Amino acid sequence: MFGRVTRLASDVDPSDLTDMLGEREVAIHWSSEVYGDISVRASLSPQDYLAALDAHASGRPVEVSGTLERLPRSWVLISPSSFSVKGSE
């Protein structure tokens, strides 16, 4: 999935890379050929969350892999991996 981070939420100090138990969630705007424009939520590791924060602040897109799942009112990326921030477009 490739898109821009549109929302960040953390129930812990997002800069505390030692706190592995806290929830760090982002929403990524994805333009899918199959589903159209959708917002996909993903829970990230502390390091990936900080990278997502930087991408959001600088307006750079991100890319992440995982299993897309449709919930009753939202889309979620299960087991996100290979998170990366792309150069400016």
C-alpha atoms as a PDB file:
ATOM      1  CA  MET A   1       0.000   0.000   0.000  1.00  0.00           C
ATOM      2  CA  PHE A   2       1.275   3.451  -0.924  1.00  0.00           C
ATOM      3  CA  GLY A   3      -0.212   6.722   0.339  1.00  0.00           C
ATOM      4  CA  ARG A   4      -0.053   9.634   2.740  1.00  0.00           C
ATOM      5  CA  VAL A   5      -0.431   9.516   6.507  1.00  0.00           C
ATOM      6  CA  THR A   6      -3.614  11.410   7.382  1.00  0.00           C
ATOM      7  CA  ARG A   7      -3.945  10.678  11.108  1.00  0.00           C
ATOM      8  CA  LEU A   8      -1.711   9.633  13.983  1.00  0.00           C
ATOM      9  CA  ALA A   9      -2.808   8.413  17.416  1.00  0.00           C
ATOM     10  CA  SER A  10      -0.766   7.114  20.335  1.00  0.00           C
ATOM     11  CA  ASP A  11      -1.792   6.241  23.882  1.00  0.00           C
ATOM     12  CA  VAL A  12       1.863   6.436  25.028  1.00  0.00           C
ATOM     13  CA  ASP A  13       4.776   8.828  24.532  1.00  0.00           C
ATOM     14  CA  PRO A  14       5.406   8.342  20.805  1.00  0.00           C
ATOM     15  CA  SER A  15       9.116   9.099  21.195  1.00  0.00           C
ATOM     16  CA  ASP A  16       9.622   6.355  23.838  1.00  0.00           C
ATOM     17  CA  LEU A  17      11.053   3.593  21.672  1.00  0.00           C
ATOM     18  CA  THR A  18      11.367   1.265  24.681  1.00  0.00           C
ATOM     19  CA  ASP A  19       7.604   1.095  25.336  1.00  0.00           C
ATOM     20  CA  MET A  20       6.553  -1.831  23.185  1.00  0.00           C
ATOM     21  CA  LEU A  21       3.129  -2.229  24.833  1.00  0.00           C
ATOM     22  CA  GLY A  22       1.547   1.079  23.851  1.00  0.00           C
ATOM     23  CA  GLU A  23      -0.706   1.429  20.832  1.00  0.00           C
ATOM     24  CA  ARG A  24       0.571   3.568  17.958  1.00  0.00           C
ATOM     25  CA  GLU A  25      -1.906   3.804  15.104  1.00  0.00           C
ATOM     26  CA  VAL A  26      -1.844   5.698  11.831  1.00  0.00           C
ATOM     27  CA  ALA A  27      -4.368   6.175   9.065  1.00  0.00           C
ATOM     28  CA  ILE A  28      -3.078   6.118   5.504  1.00  0.00           C
ATOM     29  CA  HIS A  29      -5.018   7.474   2.527  1.00  0.00           C
ATOM     30  CA  TRP A  30      -4.784   4.878  -0.217  1.00  0.00           C
ATOM     31  CA  SER A  31      -6.088   5.171  -3.781  1.00  0.00           C
ATOM     32  CA  SER A  32      -6.906   1.585  -4.681  1.00  0.00           C
ATOM     33  CA  GLU A  33      -7.871   0.479  -8.180  1.00  0.00           C
ATOM     34  CA  VAL A  34     -10.264  -2.045  -6.624  1.00  0.00           C
ATOM     35  CA  TYR A  35     -11.727  -0.146  -3.623  1.00  0.00           C
ATOM     36  CA  GLY A  36     -11.290   3.499  -4.657  1.00  0.00           C
ATOM     37  CA  ASP A  37     -10.003   6.073  -2.170  1.00  0.00           C
ATOM     38  CA  ILE A  38      -9.994   4.552   1.316  1.00  0.00           C
ATOM     39  CA  SER A  39      -8.467   5.292   4.692  1.00  0.00           C
ATOM     40  CA  VAL A  40      -6.606   2.314   6.131  1.00  0.00           C
ATOM     41  CA  ARG A  41      -5.635   2.044   9.809  1.00  0.00           C
ATOM     42  CA  ALA A  42      -2.403   0.321  10.826  1.00  0.00           C
ATOM     43  CA  SER A  43      -0.745  -0.253  14.207  1.00  0.00           C
ATOM     44  CA  LEU A  44       2.983   0.397  13.931  1.00  0.00           C
ATOM     45  CA  SER A  45       6.123  -0.316  15.925  1.00  0.00           C
ATOM     46  CA  PRO A  46       7.613   2.637  17.843  1.00  0.00           C
ATOM     47  CA  GLN A  47      10.305   3.166  15.176  1.00  0.00           C
ATOM     48  CA  ASP A  48       7.824   3.015  12.294  1.00  0.00           C
ATOM     49  CA  TYR A  49       5.437   5.353  14.132  1.00  0.00           C
ATOM     50  CA  LEU A  50       8.182   8.002  14.459  1.00  0.00           C
ATOM     51  CA  ALA A  51       8.934   7.602  10.743  1.00  0.00           C
ATOM     52  CA  ALA A  52       5.200   8.023   9.998  1.00  0.00           C
ATOM     53  CA  LEU A  53       5.152  11.156  12.161  1.00  0.00           C
ATOM     54  CA  ASP A  54       8.052  12.587  10.146  1.00  0.00           C
ATOM     55  CA  ALA A  55       6.387  11.629   6.847  1.00  0.00           C
ATOM     56  CA  HIS A  56       3.154  13.316   7.930  1.00  0.00           C
ATOM     57  CA  ALA A  57       4.978  16.498   8.998  1.00  0.00           C
ATOM     58  CA  SER A  58       6.917  16.699   5.729  1.00  0.00           C
ATOM     59  CA  GLY A  59       4.055  15.597   3.449  1.00  0.00           C
ATOM     60  CA  ARG A  60       5.928  12.571   2.122  1.00  0.00           C
ATOM     61  CA  PRO A  61       4.090   9.358   1.183  1.00  0.00           C
ATOM     62  CA  VAL A  62       4.694   6.043   2.899  1.00  0.00           C
ATOM     63  CA  GLU A  63       4.629   2.452   1.758  1.00  0.00           C
ATOM     64  CA  VAL A  64       3.694  -0.532   3.915  1.00  0.00           C
ATOM     65  CA  SER A  65       2.771  -4.173   3.359  1.00  0.00           C
ATOM     66  CA  GLY A  66       0.242  -6.300   5.199  1.00  0.00           C
ATOM     67  CA  THR A  67      -3.128  -7.979   4.915  1.00  0.00           C
ATOM     68  CA  LEU A  68      -6.011  -5.620   4.156  1.00  0.00           C
ATOM     69  CA  GLU A  69      -9.166  -6.413   6.118  1.00  0.00           C
ATOM     70  CA  ARG A  70     -12.590  -4.801   5.898  1.00  0.00           C
ATOM     71  CA  LEU A  71     -14.302  -4.182   9.222  1.00  0.00           C
ATOM     72  CA  PRO A  72     -17.925  -3.011   9.480  1.00  0.00           C
ATOM     73  CA  ARG A  73     -17.006   0.694   9.328  1.00  0.00           C
ATOM     74  CA  SER A  74     -13.322   0.833   8.424  1.00  0.00           C
ATOM     75  CA  TRP A  75     -10.319  -0.767   6.736  1.00  0.00           C
ATOM     76  CA  VAL A  76      -7.410  -2.186   8.751  1.00  0.00           C
ATOM     77  CA  LEU A  77      -3.985  -3.419   7.706  1.00  0.00           C
ATOM     78  CA  ILE A  78      -3.212  -6.601   9.638  1.00  0.00           C
ATOM     79  CA  SER A  79       0.445  -7.422  10.447  1.00  0.00           C
ATOM     80  CA  PRO A  80       1.966  -4.329   8.815  1.00  0.00           C
ATOM     81  CA  SER A  81       5.562  -4.802   7.680  1.00  0.00           C
ATOM     82  CA  SER A  82       8.194  -3.213   5.444  1.00  0.00           C
ATOM     83  CA  PHE A  83       7.140   0.321   6.436  1.00  0.00           C
ATOM     84  CA  SER A  84       9.106   2.994   4.581  1.00  0.00           C
ATOM     85  CA  VAL A  85       8.931   6.719   3.893  1.00  0.00           C
ATOM     86  CA  LYS A  86       9.300   7.722   0.258  1.00  0.00           C
ATOM     87  CA  GLY A  87      11.004  10.809  -1.163  1.00  0.00           C
ATOM     88  CA  SER A  88       9.048  13.950  -1.948  1.00  0.00           C
ATOM     89  CA  GLU A  89       6.857  13.640  -5.005  1.00  0.00           C
END
